[in-house]
Amino acid sequence: MKLGRELGLLDWIAYDKGFKPGSYDCRFKQWTEKGFTAICTVIQKGEMRSFQDLKNLFDLENQDLFRYMQMRDYYAKKVQKNEDDIQPIVKIIARAYHDDVPKVVSTLYSCLMEAKKDSTLYVKTKELNERISDEMWYDMWKMHQTTTQSHGWREFLWKNQICFFYTPKITCKQTNKHSTIMLETL
């Protein structure tokens, strides 16, 4: 998974190193105190909200108009990307700024696994000849977090579940690694 321009949606404009006015003008840092944090908080349907909307939403003043134009120009040139080209994981994190995302950990995990070539989906469908639903997958992980308060047991359960869902590619790498070590010792 390659994250490019869309990662800029999660940057805080006041601390974004690519946005030079943010490092020179302390007013951008004051915006964070008013709730204006990540760029995605001012984006609506792929476009930046109007200055009037931001004035009402974040209690900005008229003197912030020039700063808004600097930020809008930066967004258009460096961050803005077609909505369909944005990685799902970035969309989920950006949505979390606005809404309460249900099952956020399992949703993020699903996005990461979809981005990988050899995910556990291969094992679930091919080797087991069985389809494990997303709900069942979520319940398996939820059980680890709710059955005990002991961090040691949680880690043990987590490792067992991860070991069970090794992909063939991972096992192949482990097997080849051991065989090459054996050959080198001979």
Foldseek 3Di string as FASTA:
>chain_A
DDAFLQVQQFAFLLPDPVLVVSPVDCVSVVLVVLVRGGNLVQDDQQAGDDPVVCCVRRVDDPVCPVVVVSVRVCCVPRRGDPPVPHQPLSVLVSVVSPDPDPPSVLVNVVSVQVPDDFHLQCVQCPVVVHHDDSVNVSVLLVCLVPVDPDPVSSVVSVVVVVVVSDTPVVVVVVVVVVVVVVVVVD
